[in-house]
Amino acid sequence: MQSSALVTLVFAAFALCDPTPQASLYPSSRFEGKPTIINDLGGCINIPEQDDAWYNVHSYIIKSSVECEFYKSEDCKRSAGKFKGENDKFITSNIQSVFCLEISEDEV
């Protein structure tokens, strides 16, 4: 009985966030600003908070194919949540997809 309830709960939790990868998160109709690439604080990427849905994106945007391999790694997936600023928060939940986009330095 308890395991059945747990399965239902887990299913409901996944139903709240669409795990289907989007073609691109940069730019996005739901994201008006630009992602900030973080390389020196132990986090993967920081996206300025727009609404609670961003906590369920499960995706990182990074700058190069070399970095892409690292960000797909288990070390990155285990990255602990860190705050960059009052309104910015690292997304560190289970990564379901990694988008590797070339973003020039002047865009960051």
N, C-alpha and C. Protein backbone atom coordinates (compact mmCIF):
# COMPACT_ATOMS: atom_id res chain seq x y z
N MET A 1 0.82 -1.20 0.00
CA MET A 1 0.00 0.00 0.00
C MET A 1 0.86 1.26 0.00
N GLN A 2 1.90 1.25 0.85
CA GLN A 2 2.76 2.41 0.92
C GLN A 2 3.56 2.59 -0.37
N SER A 3 4.04 1.49 -0.96
CA SER A 3 4.82 1.62 -2.19
C SER A 3 3.95 2.15 -3.32
N SER A 4 2.69 1.77 -3.34
CA SER A 4 1.78 2.27 -4.36
C SER A 4 1.60 3.79 -4.22
N ALA A 5 1.48 4.25 -3.00
CA ALA A 5 1.33 5.69 -2.75
C ALA A 5 2.60 6.43 -3.13
N LEU A 6 3.75 5.81 -2.88
CA LEU A 6 5.02 6.44 -3.22
C LEU A 6 5.16 6.57 -4.73
N VAL A 7 4.81 5.53 -5.46
CA VAL A 7 4.87 5.57 -6.92
C VAL A 7 3.97 6.68 -7.45
N THR A 8 2.78 6.79 -6.89
CA THR A 8 1.84 7.84 -7.30
C THR A 8 2.44 9.22 -7.03
N LEU A 9 3.06 9.36 -5.86
CA LEU A 9 3.66 10.64 -5.49
C LEU A 9 4.80 11.01 -6.44
N VAL A 10 5.67 10.04 -6.74
CA VAL A 10 6.78 10.29 -7.65
C VAL A 10 6.26 10.65 -9.03
N PHE A 11 5.26 9.93 -9.50
CA PHE A 11 4.68 10.22 -10.81
C PHE A 11 4.10 11.63 -10.84
N ALA A 12 3.42 12.00 -9.78
CA ALA A 12 2.81 13.34 -9.70
C ALA A 12 3.90 14.42 -9.72
N ALA A 13 5.01 14.15 -9.04
CA ALA A 13 6.09 15.13 -9.01
C ALA A 13 6.66 15.34 -10.40
N PHE A 14 6.85 14.25 -11.16
CA PHE A 14 7.36 14.39 -12.52
C PHE A 14 6.35 15.05 -13.43
N ALA A 15 5.07 14.85 -13.17
CA ALA A 15 4.04 15.44 -14.02
C ALA A 15 4.03 16.97 -13.89
N LEU A 16 4.54 17.48 -12.78
CA LEU A 16 4.54 18.92 -12.56
C LEU A 16 5.54 19.65 -13.45
N CYS A 17 6.55 18.94 -13.91
CA CYS A 17 7.54 19.60 -14.75
C CYS A 17 7.74 18.79 -16.01
N ASP A 18 7.67 19.45 -17.14
CA ASP A 18 7.80 18.78 -18.44
C ASP A 18 9.26 18.48 -18.70
N PRO A 19 9.66 17.20 -18.71
CA PRO A 19 11.07 16.86 -18.91
C PRO A 19 11.52 16.89 -20.37
N THR A 20 10.62 17.19 -21.29
CA THR A 20 10.96 17.18 -22.71
C THR A 20 11.94 18.31 -23.02
N PRO A 21 13.11 17.98 -23.56
CA PRO A 21 14.09 19.03 -23.88
C PRO A 21 13.53 19.99 -24.92
N GLN A 22 13.79 21.26 -24.71
CA GLN A 22 13.40 22.26 -25.69
C GLN A 22 14.53 22.40 -26.70
N ALA A 23 14.23 22.92 -27.86
CA ALA A 23 15.25 23.11 -28.88
C ALA A 23 16.33 24.06 -28.38
N SER A 24 15.93 25.05 -27.64
CA SER A 24 16.89 26.01 -27.11
C SER A 24 16.26 26.75 -25.94
N LEU A 25 17.10 27.07 -24.98
CA LEU A 25 16.63 27.90 -23.87
C LEU A 25 17.18 29.32 -24.00
N TYR A 26 17.87 29.59 -25.10
CA TYR A 26 18.52 30.89 -25.27
C TYR A 26 18.40 31.33 -26.72
N PRO A 27 17.55 32.23 -27.07
CA PRO A 27 16.60 32.89 -26.18
C PRO A 27 15.35 32.04 -25.97
N SER A 28 14.51 32.46 -25.06
CA SER A 28 13.28 31.73 -24.80
C SER A 28 12.17 32.74 -24.55
N SER A 29 10.98 32.39 -24.98
CA SER A 29 9.85 33.29 -24.76
C SER A 29 9.56 33.43 -23.27
N ARG A 30 10.01 32.46 -22.47
CA ARG A 30 9.77 32.52 -21.03
C ARG A 30 10.94 33.16 -20.30
N PHE A 31 11.99 33.52 -21.02
CA PHE A 31 13.17 34.07 -20.38
C PHE A 31 13.58 35.35 -21.08
N GLU A 32 13.41 36.46 -20.42
CA GLU A 32 13.63 37.76 -21.06
C GLU A 32 15.09 38.19 -21.01
N GLY A 33 15.84 37.69 -20.03
CA GLY A 33 17.23 38.11 -19.89
C GLY A 33 18.19 37.15 -20.54
N LYS A 34 19.45 37.24 -20.16
CA LYS A 34 20.48 36.35 -20.69
C LYS A 34 21.01 35.46 -19.58
N PRO A 35 21.37 34.22 -19.93
CA PRO A 35 21.95 33.35 -18.90
C PRO A 35 23.35 33.85 -18.54
N THR A 36 23.73 33.66 -17.32
CA THR A 36 25.05 34.06 -16.86
C THR A 36 25.88 32.80 -16.66
N ILE A 37 27.00 32.72 -17.34
CA ILE A 37 27.85 31.55 -17.22
C ILE A 37 28.71 31.69 -15.97
N ILE A 38 28.68 30.70 -15.13
CA ILE A 38 29.44 30.72 -13.89
C ILE A 38 30.52 29.63 -13.97
N ASN A 39 31.78 30.03 -13.86
CA ASN A 39 32.85 29.05 -13.94
C ASN A 39 33.68 28.96 -12.66
N ASP A 40 33.47 29.84 -11.70
CA ASP A 40 34.40 29.91 -10.58
C ASP A 40 33.77 29.71 -9.21
N LEU A 41 32.51 29.32 -9.15
CA LEU A 41 31.87 29.16 -7.84
C LEU A 41 31.39 27.73 -7.58
N GLY A 42 31.83 26.81 -8.42
CA GLY A 42 31.45 25.42 -8.19
C GLY A 42 30.08 25.08 -8.74
N GLY A 43 29.43 26.03 -9.37
CA GLY A 43 28.12 25.76 -9.94
C GLY A 43 28.24 25.60 -11.45
N CYS A 44 27.15 25.23 -12.08
CA CYS A 44 27.20 24.99 -13.52
C CYS A 44 26.68 26.19 -14.29
N ILE A 45 25.50 26.63 -13.97
CA ILE A 45 24.98 27.83 -14.62
C ILE A 45 23.97 28.48 -13.70
N ASN A 46 23.83 29.74 -13.85
CA ASN A 46 22.89 30.50 -13.05
C ASN A 46 21.94 31.21 -14.01
N ILE A 47 20.65 31.03 -13.82
CA ILE A 47 19.67 31.75 -14.63
C ILE A 47 18.87 32.65 -13.70
N PRO A 48 18.84 33.95 -13.99
CA PRO A 48 18.08 34.85 -13.13
C PRO A 48 16.65 34.35 -12.94
N GLU A 49 16.21 34.40 -11.73
CA GLU A 49 14.90 33.86 -11.38
C GLU A 49 13.77 34.65 -12.06
N GLN A 50 12.94 33.97 -12.81
CA GLN A 50 11.78 34.58 -13.43
C GLN A 50 10.49 34.10 -12.76
N ASP A 51 10.43 32.81 -12.53
CA ASP A 51 9.30 32.24 -11.82
C ASP A 51 9.71 30.87 -11.31
N ASP A 52 8.88 30.24 -10.51
CA ASP A 52 9.23 28.97 -9.90
C ASP A 52 9.53 27.88 -10.92
N ALA A 53 8.99 28.00 -12.11
CA ALA A 53 9.19 26.96 -13.13
C ALA A 53 10.67 26.79 -13.47
N TRP A 54 11.46 27.85 -13.33
CA TRP A 54 12.88 27.72 -13.68
C TRP A 54 13.62 26.76 -12.77
N TYR A 55 13.08 26.48 -11.59
CA TYR A 55 13.72 25.51 -10.72
C TYR A 55 13.56 24.09 -11.27
N ASN A 56 12.70 23.90 -12.25
CA ASN A 56 12.45 22.58 -12.80
C ASN A 56 12.97 22.41 -14.22
N VAL A 57 13.79 23.34 -14.67
CA VAL A 57 14.27 23.26 -16.05
C VAL A 57 15.21 22.08 -16.25
N HIS A 58 16.05 21.80 -15.26
CA HIS A 58 16.98 20.67 -15.33
C HIS A 58 17.92 20.75 -16.52
N SER A 59 18.31 21.94 -16.91
CA SER A 59 19.19 22.08 -18.07
C SER A 59 20.26 23.12 -17.78
N TYR A 60 21.39 22.96 -18.41
CA TYR A 60 22.45 23.93 -18.27
C TYR A 60 22.83 24.44 -19.66
N ILE A 61 23.19 25.70 -19.74
CA ILE A 61 23.68 26.27 -20.99
C ILE A 61 25.13 26.65 -20.74
N ILE A 62 26.02 26.15 -21.59
CA ILE A 62 27.43 26.42 -21.38
C ILE A 62 28.08 26.86 -22.69
N LYS A 63 29.36 27.17 -22.63
CA LYS A 63 29.97 27.90 -23.73
C LYS A 63 30.70 27.08 -24.78
N SER A 64 31.29 25.96 -24.44
CA SER A 64 32.09 25.24 -25.42
C SER A 64 31.90 23.74 -25.32
N SER A 65 32.30 23.03 -26.36
CA SER A 65 32.14 21.58 -26.36
C SER A 65 32.99 20.92 -25.28
N VAL A 66 34.15 21.51 -24.98
CA VAL A 66 35.00 20.96 -23.92
C VAL A 66 34.28 21.08 -22.59
N GLU A 67 33.74 22.27 -22.33
CA GLU A 67 33.00 22.45 -21.09
C GLU A 67 31.76 21.56 -21.07
N CYS A 68 31.19 21.33 -22.24
CA CYS A 68 29.99 20.52 -22.31
C CYS A 68 30.23 19.15 -21.72
N GLU A 69 31.37 18.54 -22.04
CA GLU A 69 31.67 17.22 -21.51
C GLU A 69 31.74 17.25 -20.00
N PHE A 70 32.33 18.31 -19.43
CA PHE A 70 32.40 18.41 -17.98
C PHE A 70 31.01 18.58 -17.37
N TYR A 71 30.22 19.43 -17.98
CA TYR A 71 28.91 19.72 -17.40
C TYR A 71 27.96 18.54 -17.50
N LYS A 72 28.27 17.58 -18.37
CA LYS A 72 27.47 16.36 -18.44
C LYS A 72 27.95 15.34 -17.41
N SER A 73 29.07 15.63 -16.76
CA SER A 73 29.70 14.68 -15.86
C SER A 73 28.93 14.54 -14.54
N GLU A 74 29.22 13.46 -13.86
CA GLU A 74 28.58 13.20 -12.56
C GLU A 74 28.94 14.27 -11.54
N ASP A 75 30.18 14.79 -11.59
CA ASP A 75 30.58 15.83 -10.65
C ASP A 75 29.66 17.03 -10.75
N CYS A 76 29.34 17.41 -11.97
CA CYS A 76 28.47 18.55 -12.17
C CYS A 76 27.05 18.23 -11.71
N LYS A 77 26.59 17.04 -12.00
CA LYS A 77 25.23 16.66 -11.61
C LYS A 77 25.05 16.65 -10.11
N ARG A 78 26.17 16.43 -9.39
CA ARG A 78 26.09 16.41 -7.93
C ARG A 78 26.35 17.78 -7.32
N SER A 79 26.52 18.77 -8.18
CA SER A 79 26.85 20.11 -7.70
C SER A 79 25.81 20.61 -6.70
N ALA A 80 26.30 21.19 -5.62
CA ALA A 80 25.38 21.69 -4.59
C ALA A 80 24.82 23.04 -4.98
N GLY A 81 23.61 23.32 -4.55
CA GLY A 81 22.99 24.61 -4.85
C GLY A 81 23.72 25.74 -4.16
N LYS A 82 23.91 26.83 -4.87
CA LYS A 82 24.58 27.99 -4.30
C LYS A 82 23.84 29.25 -4.75
N PHE A 83 23.85 30.26 -3.91
CA PHE A 83 23.23 31.53 -4.29
C PHE A 83 24.30 32.49 -4.80
N LYS A 84 24.05 33.10 -5.93
CA LYS A 84 24.95 34.13 -6.46
C LYS A 84 24.54 35.50 -5.96
N GLY A 85 23.25 35.72 -5.87
CA GLY A 85 22.74 37.00 -5.42
C GLY A 85 21.34 36.83 -4.89
N GLU A 86 20.76 37.89 -4.44
CA GLU A 86 19.45 37.82 -3.81
C GLU A 86 18.39 37.25 -4.73
N ASN A 87 18.47 37.59 -6.03
CA ASN A 87 17.43 37.14 -6.96
C ASN A 87 17.91 36.07 -7.94
N ASP A 88 19.13 35.57 -7.75
CA ASP A 88 19.68 34.57 -8.66
C ASP A 88 19.94 33.28 -7.89
N LYS A 89 19.63 32.17 -8.51
CA LYS A 89 19.84 30.90 -7.84
C LYS A 89 20.32 29.85 -8.84
N PHE A 90 21.28 29.04 -8.42
CA PHE A 90 21.75 27.97 -9.30
C PHE A 90 20.68 26.91 -9.44
N ILE A 91 20.56 26.37 -10.63
CA ILE A 91 19.68 25.24 -10.87
C ILE A 91 20.55 23.99 -10.77
N THR A 92 20.30 23.17 -9.78
CA THR A 92 21.18 22.02 -9.56
C THR A 92 20.40 20.73 -9.37
N SER A 93 19.16 20.72 -9.77
CA SER A 93 18.38 19.49 -9.67
C SER A 93 18.86 18.49 -10.71
N ASN A 94 18.23 17.35 -10.78
CA ASN A 94 18.65 16.31 -11.72
C ASN A 94 18.69 16.85 -13.15
N ILE A 95 19.84 16.73 -13.76
CA ILE A 95 19.99 17.21 -15.13
C ILE A 95 19.39 16.18 -16.08
N GLN A 96 18.45 16.61 -16.90
CA GLN A 96 17.85 15.71 -17.87
C GLN A 96 18.40 15.98 -19.26
N SER A 97 18.94 17.16 -19.48
CA SER A 97 19.51 17.47 -20.78
C SER A 97 20.51 18.61 -20.63
N VAL A 98 21.48 18.63 -21.52
CA VAL A 98 22.48 19.70 -21.51
C VAL A 98 22.49 20.34 -22.89
N PHE A 99 22.30 21.63 -22.93
CA PHE A 99 22.34 22.36 -24.20
C PHE A 99 23.70 23.03 -24.33
N CYS A 100 24.42 22.70 -25.38
CA CYS A 100 25.74 23.29 -25.60
C CYS A 100 25.61 24.37 -26.67
N LEU A 101 25.66 25.59 -26.25
CA LEU A 101 25.52 26.70 -27.18
C LEU A 101 26.76 27.57 -27.13
N GLU A 102 27.16 28.05 -28.27
CA GLU A 102 28.29 28.97 -28.32
C GLU A 102 27.80 30.37 -27.94
N ILE A 103 28.33 30.89 -26.86
CA ILE A 103 27.95 32.23 -26.41
C ILE A 103 29.23 33.04 -26.29
N SER A 104 29.34 34.08 -27.07
CA SER A 104 30.57 34.86 -27.05
C SER A 104 30.70 35.64 -25.74
N GLU A 105 31.92 36.02 -25.42
CA GLU A 105 32.18 36.68 -24.14
C GLU A 105 31.36 37.95 -23.97
N ASP A 106 31.12 38.70 -25.05
CA ASP A 106 30.39 39.96 -24.91
C ASP A 106 28.90 39.74 -24.68
N GLU A 107 28.43 38.51 -24.86
CA GLU A 107 27.03 38.21 -24.60
C GLU A 107 26.80 37.79 -23.16
N VAL A 108 27.88 37.43 -22.48
CA VAL A 108 27.75 36.92 -21.11
C VAL A 108 27.60 38.08 -20.15
